[in-house]
C-alpha cells in the first residue's frame, strides 16, 4: 500500500499561509507543521525525511525551513508544493509585515527604522543575506545538489524535480 502525502515548502511571504489554511481546513489534525532552523542542508534534508516517516498519521506537512531535495521514502508518494511570487511583490510584502511585528529580529529592526528602499539596500548590503538576493533561486537550487552546475542551473533543475 502506498501512502500519499503533501509536502508544502512554505517560502516566507509567498502566499503559503493561505495554502496552510486550506490544508488545515481540509486535513485538520492530519496537517502538521515544523521548522528546521539552523541545520546544515544535508542534516535538514534528513530531518525532513525523518519527520515525514515519523508522522504516519499526517497527510499534509508544511515548513518554512525545510530544504530540498524532496525526500524519498519507501511506500510513500510525496507531492511537493512551493509557491513562487514576484520577487519585488514578495519583498514589499515582507517589509510591510516586518514593520508591524512584535518580535525582534534583524528584519524587523531594519523595517522599523527605514523606508522600503533602505530596507532593500540594507538587506542587499549584507554579504551572505539571501532574503532580497535571488531568494527563490537559492531555495530551488537546494533540490539539485550537482556541484558542477551553477546556482541558476541547479534552480532550474530543482524546479523540474519539484514536478
N, C-alpha and C. Protein backbone atom coordinates (compact mmCIF):
# COMPACT_ATOMS: atom_id res chain seq x y z
N UNK A 1 0.84 -1.18 0.00
CA UNK A 1 0.00 0.00 0.00
C UNK A 1 0.89 1.25 0.00
N UNK A 2 0.55 2.21 -0.84
CA UNK A 2 1.33 3.44 -0.95
C UNK A 2 0.65 4.55 -0.16
N UNK A 3 1.44 5.21 0.65
CA UNK A 3 0.97 6.38 1.39
C UNK A 3 1.23 7.61 0.52
N UNK A 4 0.25 8.50 0.42
CA UNK A 4 0.40 9.73 -0.34
C UNK A 4 0.35 10.91 0.62
N UNK A 5 1.35 11.78 0.52
CA UNK A 5 1.39 12.97 1.38
C UNK A 5 1.68 14.21 0.55
N UNK A 6 1.32 15.34 1.11
CA UNK A 6 1.63 16.65 0.55
C UNK A 6 2.72 17.27 1.41
N UNK A 7 3.77 17.76 0.78
CA UNK A 7 4.84 18.45 1.49
C UNK A 7 4.92 19.87 0.94
N UNK A 8 4.51 20.82 1.77
CA UNK A 8 4.48 22.23 1.38
C UNK A 8 5.75 22.92 1.86
N UNK A 9 6.59 23.29 0.91
CA UNK A 9 7.77 24.10 1.18
C UNK A 9 7.28 25.54 1.23
N UNK A 10 7.01 26.02 2.44
CA UNK A 10 6.35 27.31 2.68
C UNK A 10 7.40 28.42 2.71
N UNK A 11 7.63 29.04 1.57
CA UNK A 11 8.59 30.13 1.49
C UNK A 11 7.97 31.40 2.07
N UNK A 12 8.76 32.10 2.88
CA UNK A 12 8.29 33.30 3.57
C UNK A 12 7.76 34.34 2.58
N UNK A 13 6.53 34.76 2.81
CA UNK A 13 5.84 35.81 2.03
C UNK A 13 5.63 35.41 0.56
N UNK A 14 5.21 34.17 0.35
CA UNK A 14 4.90 33.66 -0.99
C UNK A 14 3.48 33.09 -1.04
N UNK A 15 2.56 33.59 -0.25
CA UNK A 15 1.16 33.14 -0.20
C UNK A 15 1.01 31.75 0.42
N UNK A 16 2.01 31.29 1.11
CA UNK A 16 1.95 29.96 1.72
C UNK A 16 0.98 29.86 2.88
N UNK A 17 0.76 30.95 3.61
CA UNK A 17 -0.17 30.91 4.73
C UNK A 17 -1.58 30.60 4.24
N UNK A 18 -1.93 31.10 3.08
CA UNK A 18 -3.24 30.79 2.50
C UNK A 18 -3.35 29.30 2.21
N UNK A 19 -2.29 28.71 1.66
CA UNK A 19 -2.31 27.27 1.41
C UNK A 19 -2.35 26.50 2.72
N UNK A 20 -1.58 26.92 3.71
CA UNK A 20 -1.62 26.24 5.00
C UNK A 20 -3.03 26.23 5.58
N UNK A 21 -3.75 27.34 5.44
CA UNK A 21 -5.13 27.39 5.93
C UNK A 21 -6.01 26.38 5.20
N UNK A 22 -5.83 26.24 3.90
CA UNK A 22 -6.59 25.26 3.12
C UNK A 22 -6.26 23.84 3.61
N UNK A 23 -4.96 23.57 3.79
CA UNK A 23 -4.55 22.24 4.26
C UNK A 23 -5.12 21.96 5.65
N UNK A 24 -5.04 22.94 6.53
CA UNK A 24 -5.54 22.78 7.89
C UNK A 24 -7.06 22.55 7.89
N UNK A 25 -7.77 23.31 7.08
CA UNK A 25 -9.23 23.18 6.99
C UNK A 25 -9.63 21.79 6.44
N UNK A 26 -8.88 21.29 5.49
CA UNK A 26 -9.23 20.02 4.86
C UNK A 26 -8.70 18.79 5.57
N UNK A 27 -7.57 18.94 6.28
CA UNK A 27 -6.97 17.77 6.91
C UNK A 27 -6.95 17.82 8.44
N UNK A 28 -7.35 18.94 9.03
CA UNK A 28 -7.43 19.10 10.49
C UNK A 28 -6.13 18.64 11.16
N UNK A 29 -6.23 17.66 12.06
CA UNK A 29 -5.04 17.23 12.80
C UNK A 29 -4.11 16.33 11.98
N UNK A 30 -4.46 16.07 10.74
CA UNK A 30 -3.56 15.32 9.85
C UNK A 30 -2.66 16.27 9.05
N UNK A 31 -2.82 17.60 9.28
CA UNK A 31 -1.91 18.61 8.75
C UNK A 31 -0.96 18.97 9.90
N UNK A 32 0.35 18.93 9.63
CA UNK A 32 1.34 19.24 10.67
C UNK A 32 2.34 20.24 10.12
N UNK A 33 2.96 20.96 11.03
CA UNK A 33 3.96 21.95 10.64
C UNK A 33 5.14 21.85 11.59
N UNK A 34 6.32 22.14 11.07
CA UNK A 34 7.54 22.08 11.87
C UNK A 34 8.61 22.93 11.18
N UNK A 35 9.54 23.45 11.97
CA UNK A 35 10.64 24.23 11.43
C UNK A 35 11.97 23.52 11.72
N UNK A 36 12.94 23.75 10.86
CA UNK A 36 14.24 23.10 10.92
C UNK A 36 15.36 24.14 10.92
N UNK A 37 15.22 25.15 11.75
CA UNK A 37 16.18 26.26 11.79
C UNK A 37 17.58 25.77 12.16
N UNK A 38 18.55 26.38 11.49
CA UNK A 38 19.94 26.20 11.87
C UNK A 38 20.61 24.90 11.46
N UNK A 39 19.92 24.03 10.74
CA UNK A 39 20.54 22.78 10.33
C UNK A 39 21.26 22.95 8.99
N UNK A 40 22.44 22.35 8.84
CA UNK A 40 23.07 22.34 7.52
C UNK A 40 22.17 21.60 6.54
N UNK A 41 22.32 21.87 5.25
CA UNK A 41 21.43 21.33 4.22
C UNK A 41 21.28 19.82 4.31
N UNK A 42 22.38 19.09 4.48
CA UNK A 42 22.28 17.62 4.50
C UNK A 42 21.52 17.14 5.74
N UNK A 43 21.75 17.77 6.89
CA UNK A 43 21.02 17.40 8.10
C UNK A 43 19.56 17.81 7.99
N UNK A 44 19.30 18.97 7.37
CA UNK A 44 17.93 19.44 7.17
C UNK A 44 17.15 18.42 6.35
N UNK A 45 17.73 17.99 5.25
CA UNK A 45 17.08 17.02 4.36
C UNK A 45 16.76 15.73 5.12
N UNK A 46 17.70 15.22 5.90
CA UNK A 46 17.47 14.01 6.69
C UNK A 46 16.40 14.23 7.75
N UNK A 47 16.41 15.40 8.39
CA UNK A 47 15.41 15.70 9.41
C UNK A 47 14.01 15.77 8.81
N UNK A 48 13.89 16.32 7.61
CA UNK A 48 12.59 16.38 6.94
C UNK A 48 12.10 14.96 6.63
N UNK A 49 12.99 14.12 6.12
CA UNK A 49 12.62 12.73 5.82
C UNK A 49 12.16 12.00 7.09
N UNK A 50 12.89 12.20 8.19
CA UNK A 50 12.51 11.57 9.47
C UNK A 50 11.16 12.08 9.97
N UNK A 51 10.91 13.37 9.78
CA UNK A 51 9.63 13.97 10.18
C UNK A 51 8.49 13.31 9.43
N UNK A 52 8.62 13.17 8.12
CA UNK A 52 7.57 12.54 7.32
C UNK A 52 7.39 11.08 7.73
N UNK A 53 8.48 10.36 7.86
CA UNK A 53 8.40 8.94 8.23
C UNK A 53 7.86 8.75 9.64
N UNK A 54 8.20 9.66 10.53
CA UNK A 54 7.80 9.55 11.93
C UNK A 54 6.43 10.12 12.25
N UNK A 55 5.71 10.56 11.23
CA UNK A 55 4.36 11.12 11.43
C UNK A 55 3.39 10.36 10.53
N UNK A 56 3.19 9.06 10.79
CA UNK A 56 2.39 8.24 9.87
C UNK A 56 0.92 8.65 9.78
N UNK A 57 0.42 9.35 10.77
CA UNK A 57 -0.98 9.79 10.75
C UNK A 57 -1.18 11.04 9.90
N UNK A 58 -0.11 11.76 9.63
CA UNK A 58 -0.22 13.03 8.89
C UNK A 58 -0.24 12.77 7.39
N UNK A 59 -0.99 13.63 6.69
CA UNK A 59 -1.04 13.56 5.22
C UNK A 59 -0.61 14.87 4.57
N UNK A 60 -0.48 15.93 5.35
CA UNK A 60 -0.06 17.23 4.82
C UNK A 60 0.94 17.84 5.79
N UNK A 61 2.07 18.27 5.24
CA UNK A 61 3.19 18.80 6.02
C UNK A 61 3.54 20.18 5.48
N UNK A 62 3.83 21.13 6.37
CA UNK A 62 4.25 22.47 5.96
C UNK A 62 5.44 22.92 6.79
N UNK A 63 6.41 23.55 6.13
CA UNK A 63 7.57 24.09 6.83
C UNK A 63 8.16 25.24 6.04
N UNK A 64 8.51 26.33 6.76
CA UNK A 64 9.24 27.44 6.15
C UNK A 64 10.70 27.08 5.90
N UNK A 65 11.23 26.19 6.70
CA UNK A 65 12.68 25.97 6.70
C UNK A 65 13.10 24.60 6.16
N UNK A 66 12.16 23.78 5.71
CA UNK A 66 12.52 22.52 5.07
C UNK A 66 13.21 22.83 3.75
N UNK A 67 14.31 22.15 3.50
CA UNK A 67 15.07 22.35 2.27
C UNK A 67 14.99 21.08 1.43
N UNK A 68 15.22 21.24 0.12
CA UNK A 68 15.25 20.10 -0.78
C UNK A 68 16.56 19.36 -0.65
N UNK A 69 16.64 18.25 -1.37
CA UNK A 69 15.66 17.72 -2.30
C UNK A 69 14.49 17.05 -1.59
N UNK A 70 13.44 16.77 -2.36
CA UNK A 70 12.26 16.09 -1.81
C UNK A 70 12.72 14.71 -1.33
N UNK A 71 12.39 14.35 -0.08
CA UNK A 71 12.81 13.04 0.42
C UNK A 71 12.19 11.90 -0.40
N UNK A 72 12.89 10.80 -0.40
CA UNK A 72 12.37 9.56 -1.00
C UNK A 72 12.20 8.57 0.14
N UNK A 73 10.95 8.14 0.35
CA UNK A 73 10.66 7.20 1.42
C UNK A 73 9.97 5.97 0.83
N UNK A 74 10.37 4.79 1.26
CA UNK A 74 9.74 3.58 0.75
C UNK A 74 8.23 3.60 1.03
N UNK A 75 7.44 3.25 0.03
CA UNK A 75 6.00 3.17 0.19
C UNK A 75 5.30 4.51 0.32
N UNK A 76 5.99 5.60 -0.01
CA UNK A 76 5.40 6.93 0.15
C UNK A 76 5.53 7.73 -1.14
N UNK A 77 4.42 8.26 -1.60
CA UNK A 77 4.41 9.18 -2.74
C UNK A 77 4.29 10.59 -2.14
N UNK A 78 5.25 11.44 -2.45
CA UNK A 78 5.27 12.80 -1.90
C UNK A 78 4.98 13.79 -3.01
N UNK A 79 3.92 14.57 -2.81
CA UNK A 79 3.59 15.67 -3.72
C UNK A 79 4.12 16.95 -3.09
N UNK A 80 5.20 17.48 -3.65
CA UNK A 80 5.81 18.70 -3.13
C UNK A 80 5.15 19.91 -3.74
N UNK A 81 4.92 20.93 -2.91
CA UNK A 81 4.31 22.18 -3.36
C UNK A 81 5.19 23.33 -2.89
N UNK A 82 5.43 24.28 -3.79
CA UNK A 82 6.15 25.51 -3.45
C UNK A 82 5.55 26.63 -4.28
N UNK A 83 5.07 27.66 -3.63
CA UNK A 83 4.57 28.85 -4.34
C UNK A 83 5.73 29.81 -4.56
N UNK A 84 5.79 30.37 -5.76
CA UNK A 84 6.77 31.40 -6.07
C UNK A 84 6.02 32.68 -6.40
N UNK A 85 6.45 33.76 -5.83
CA UNK A 85 5.80 35.05 -6.01
C UNK A 85 6.76 36.01 -6.70
N UNK A 86 6.22 36.98 -7.38
CA UNK A 86 7.07 38.01 -7.98
C UNK A 86 8.02 38.51 -6.89
N UNK A 87 9.32 38.51 -7.15
CA UNK A 87 10.29 38.85 -6.10
C UNK A 87 10.08 40.23 -5.47
N UNK A 88 9.76 41.24 -6.27
CA UNK A 88 9.55 42.58 -5.69
C UNK A 88 8.28 42.63 -4.86
N UNK A 89 7.22 41.97 -5.31
CA UNK A 89 6.00 41.91 -4.51
C UNK A 89 6.27 41.19 -3.19
N UNK A 90 7.06 40.14 -3.24
CA UNK A 90 7.40 39.38 -2.04
C UNK A 90 8.17 40.24 -1.05
N UNK A 91 9.17 40.98 -1.55
CA UNK A 91 9.98 41.81 -0.66
C UNK A 91 9.14 42.94 -0.07
N UNK A 92 8.30 43.55 -0.89
CA UNK A 92 7.43 44.63 -0.39
C UNK A 92 6.48 44.09 0.69
N UNK A 93 5.93 42.91 0.48
CA UNK A 93 5.04 42.29 1.46
C UNK A 93 5.79 41.99 2.76
N UNK A 94 7.01 41.48 2.63
CA UNK A 94 7.82 41.18 3.81
C UNK A 94 8.13 42.46 4.59
N UNK A 95 8.46 43.52 3.87
CA UNK A 95 8.75 44.81 4.52
C UNK A 95 7.53 45.28 5.32
N UNK A 96 6.37 45.26 4.69
CA UNK A 96 5.14 45.70 5.38
C UNK A 96 4.85 44.80 6.59
N UNK A 97 5.04 43.52 6.43
CA UNK A 97 4.81 42.56 7.51
C UNK A 97 5.78 42.79 8.66
N UNK A 98 7.07 42.92 8.35
CA UNK A 98 8.07 43.05 9.40
C UNK A 98 7.97 44.38 10.14
N UNK A 99 7.46 45.40 9.51
CA UNK A 99 7.29 46.70 10.19
C UNK A 99 6.30 46.61 11.33
N UNK A 100 5.36 45.67 11.25
CA UNK A 100 4.27 45.60 12.24
C UNK A 100 4.43 44.47 13.26
N UNK A 101 5.47 43.68 13.15
CA UNK A 101 5.63 42.53 14.04
C UNK A 101 6.09 42.94 15.44
N UNK A 102 5.64 42.19 16.43
CA UNK A 102 6.01 42.45 17.82
C UNK A 102 7.36 41.86 18.20
N UNK A 103 7.81 40.87 17.46
CA UNK A 103 9.07 40.23 17.83
C UNK A 103 10.26 41.01 17.28
N UNK A 104 11.43 40.68 17.83
CA UNK A 104 12.66 41.37 17.46
C UNK A 104 13.52 40.45 16.60
N UNK A 105 13.85 40.89 15.41
CA UNK A 105 14.74 40.14 14.51
C UNK A 105 15.49 41.16 13.67
N UNK A 106 16.54 40.73 12.98
CA UNK A 106 17.25 41.69 12.12
C UNK A 106 16.30 42.34 11.09
N UNK A 107 15.42 41.55 10.50
CA UNK A 107 14.49 42.10 9.50
C UNK A 107 13.51 43.10 10.09
N UNK A 108 12.97 42.81 11.28
CA UNK A 108 12.02 43.76 11.88
C UNK A 108 12.72 45.06 12.28
N UNK A 109 13.96 44.94 12.76
CA UNK A 109 14.69 46.15 13.14
C UNK A 109 14.96 47.03 11.93
N UNK A 110 15.37 46.42 10.82
CA UNK A 110 15.62 47.19 9.59
C UNK A 110 14.32 47.83 9.10
N UNK A 111 13.25 47.07 9.05
CA UNK A 111 11.97 47.55 8.52
C UNK A 111 11.43 48.72 9.35
N UNK A 112 11.62 48.68 10.65
CA UNK A 112 11.09 49.74 11.51
C UNK A 112 11.87 51.04 11.40
N UNK A 113 13.15 50.96 11.07
CA UNK A 113 13.96 52.18 11.06
C UNK A 113 14.18 52.78 9.68
N UNK A 114 13.73 52.09 8.61
CA UNK A 114 13.98 52.60 7.26
C UNK A 114 12.73 52.58 6.41
N UNK A 115 12.81 53.27 5.30
CA UNK A 115 11.75 53.15 4.30
C UNK A 115 12.03 51.89 3.47
N UNK A 116 11.17 51.62 2.48
CA UNK A 116 11.31 50.41 1.68
C UNK A 116 12.67 50.35 0.98
N UNK A 117 13.10 51.46 0.39
CA UNK A 117 14.38 51.47 -0.32
C UNK A 117 15.53 51.16 0.65
N UNK A 118 15.47 51.73 1.86
CA UNK A 118 16.51 51.45 2.85
C UNK A 118 16.50 50.00 3.30
N UNK A 119 15.32 49.43 3.42
CA UNK A 119 15.16 48.02 3.79
C UNK A 119 15.86 47.13 2.75
N UNK A 120 15.57 47.37 1.48
CA UNK A 120 16.17 46.57 0.41
C UNK A 120 17.68 46.79 0.39
N UNK A 121 18.12 48.04 0.49
CA UNK A 121 19.54 48.35 0.44
C UNK A 121 20.30 47.64 1.57
N UNK A 122 19.77 47.71 2.79
CA UNK A 122 20.45 47.06 3.92
C UNK A 122 20.49 45.54 3.75
N UNK A 123 19.40 44.98 3.25
CA UNK A 123 19.37 43.53 3.02
C UNK A 123 20.38 43.14 1.94
N UNK A 124 20.49 43.95 0.90
CA UNK A 124 21.44 43.64 -0.18
C UNK A 124 22.88 43.87 0.25
N UNK A 125 23.10 44.81 1.17
CA UNK A 125 24.46 45.10 1.63
C UNK A 125 25.03 44.01 2.54
N UNK A 126 24.18 43.20 3.14
CA UNK A 126 24.66 42.11 3.99
C UNK A 126 25.26 41.03 3.09
N UNK A 127 26.53 40.70 3.25
CA UNK A 127 27.23 39.86 2.27
C UNK A 127 26.62 38.48 2.02
N UNK A 128 26.13 37.80 3.03
CA UNK A 128 25.61 36.44 2.83
C UNK A 128 24.09 36.39 2.88
N UNK A 129 23.46 37.52 2.93
CA UNK A 129 22.00 37.63 3.02
C UNK A 129 21.35 37.25 1.70
N UNK A 130 20.39 36.34 1.73
CA UNK A 130 19.70 35.90 0.51
C UNK A 130 18.26 36.40 0.46
N UNK A 131 17.82 37.10 1.45
CA UNK A 131 16.43 37.50 1.55
C UNK A 131 15.96 38.33 0.35
N UNK A 132 16.80 39.23 -0.13
CA UNK A 132 16.47 40.08 -1.28
C UNK A 132 17.35 39.78 -2.49
N UNK A 133 18.19 38.81 -2.39
CA UNK A 133 19.13 38.49 -3.48
C UNK A 133 18.89 37.05 -3.93
N UNK A 134 18.16 36.90 -5.02
CA UNK A 134 17.92 35.58 -5.62
C UNK A 134 17.39 34.55 -4.61
N UNK A 135 16.44 34.99 -3.79
CA UNK A 135 15.86 34.13 -2.76
C UNK A 135 15.28 32.84 -3.35
N UNK A 136 14.44 32.98 -4.38
CA UNK A 136 13.82 31.79 -4.97
C UNK A 136 14.87 30.89 -5.61
N UNK A 137 15.82 31.48 -6.28
CA UNK A 137 16.90 30.71 -6.91
C UNK A 137 17.65 29.89 -5.86
N UNK A 138 17.97 30.51 -4.76
CA UNK A 138 18.67 29.83 -3.67
C UNK A 138 17.87 28.65 -3.15
N UNK A 139 16.59 28.86 -2.89
CA UNK A 139 15.76 27.79 -2.33
C UNK A 139 15.53 26.66 -3.34
N UNK A 140 15.33 27.00 -4.60
CA UNK A 140 15.13 25.96 -5.62
C UNK A 140 16.41 25.18 -5.89
N UNK A 141 17.55 25.84 -5.83
CA UNK A 141 18.83 25.17 -6.10
C UNK A 141 19.09 24.04 -5.10
N UNK A 142 18.50 24.10 -3.92
CA UNK A 142 18.68 23.05 -2.91
C UNK A 142 18.10 21.71 -3.37
N UNK A 143 17.24 21.73 -4.37
CA UNK A 143 16.62 20.50 -4.85
C UNK A 143 17.51 19.76 -5.84
N UNK A 144 18.62 20.36 -6.22
CA UNK A 144 19.59 19.74 -7.13
C UNK A 144 20.97 20.06 -6.58
N UNK A 145 21.68 19.07 -6.15
CA UNK A 145 22.96 19.31 -5.48
C UNK A 145 24.17 19.02 -6.35
N UNK A 146 24.01 19.10 -7.63
CA UNK A 146 25.12 18.82 -8.55
C UNK A 146 26.15 19.95 -8.46
N UNK A 147 27.33 19.69 -7.92
CA UNK A 147 28.32 20.75 -7.74
C UNK A 147 28.90 21.29 -9.06
N UNK A 148 28.66 20.58 -10.16
CA UNK A 148 29.16 21.02 -11.46
C UNK A 148 28.29 22.13 -12.06
N UNK A 149 27.10 22.33 -11.52
CA UNK A 149 26.17 23.30 -12.07
C UNK A 149 26.19 24.60 -11.28
N UNK A 150 25.93 25.71 -11.97
CA UNK A 150 25.81 27.00 -11.29
C UNK A 150 24.50 27.01 -10.49
N UNK A 151 24.38 27.97 -9.59
CA UNK A 151 23.14 28.05 -8.80
C UNK A 151 21.91 28.23 -9.69
N UNK A 152 21.92 29.12 -10.69
CA UNK A 152 20.72 29.22 -11.55
C UNK A 152 20.41 27.92 -12.29
N UNK A 153 21.44 27.20 -12.72
CA UNK A 153 21.21 25.91 -13.39
C UNK A 153 20.63 24.89 -12.42
N UNK A 154 21.15 24.87 -11.19
CA UNK A 154 20.60 23.95 -10.17
C UNK A 154 19.16 24.34 -9.83
N UNK A 155 18.87 25.64 -9.81
CA UNK A 155 17.49 26.08 -9.55
C UNK A 155 16.54 25.60 -10.64
N UNK A 156 16.97 25.70 -11.89
CA UNK A 156 16.13 25.18 -13.00
C UNK A 156 15.90 23.69 -12.85
N UNK A 157 16.96 22.96 -12.53
CA UNK A 157 16.83 21.52 -12.30
C UNK A 157 15.92 21.25 -11.10
N UNK A 158 16.09 22.05 -10.05
CA UNK A 158 15.25 21.89 -8.86
C UNK A 158 13.78 22.09 -9.16
N UNK A 159 13.49 23.08 -9.99
CA UNK A 159 12.10 23.33 -10.38
C UNK A 159 11.52 22.12 -11.10
N UNK A 160 12.31 21.54 -11.99
CA UNK A 160 11.86 20.34 -12.70
C UNK A 160 11.65 19.18 -11.74
N UNK A 161 12.50 19.04 -10.75
CA UNK A 161 12.38 17.94 -9.79
C UNK A 161 11.18 18.09 -8.87
N UNK A 162 10.76 19.32 -8.66
CA UNK A 162 9.55 19.52 -7.85
C UNK A 162 8.31 19.01 -8.58
N UNK A 163 8.36 19.02 -9.90
CA UNK A 163 7.25 18.46 -10.68
C UNK A 163 6.14 19.43 -10.93
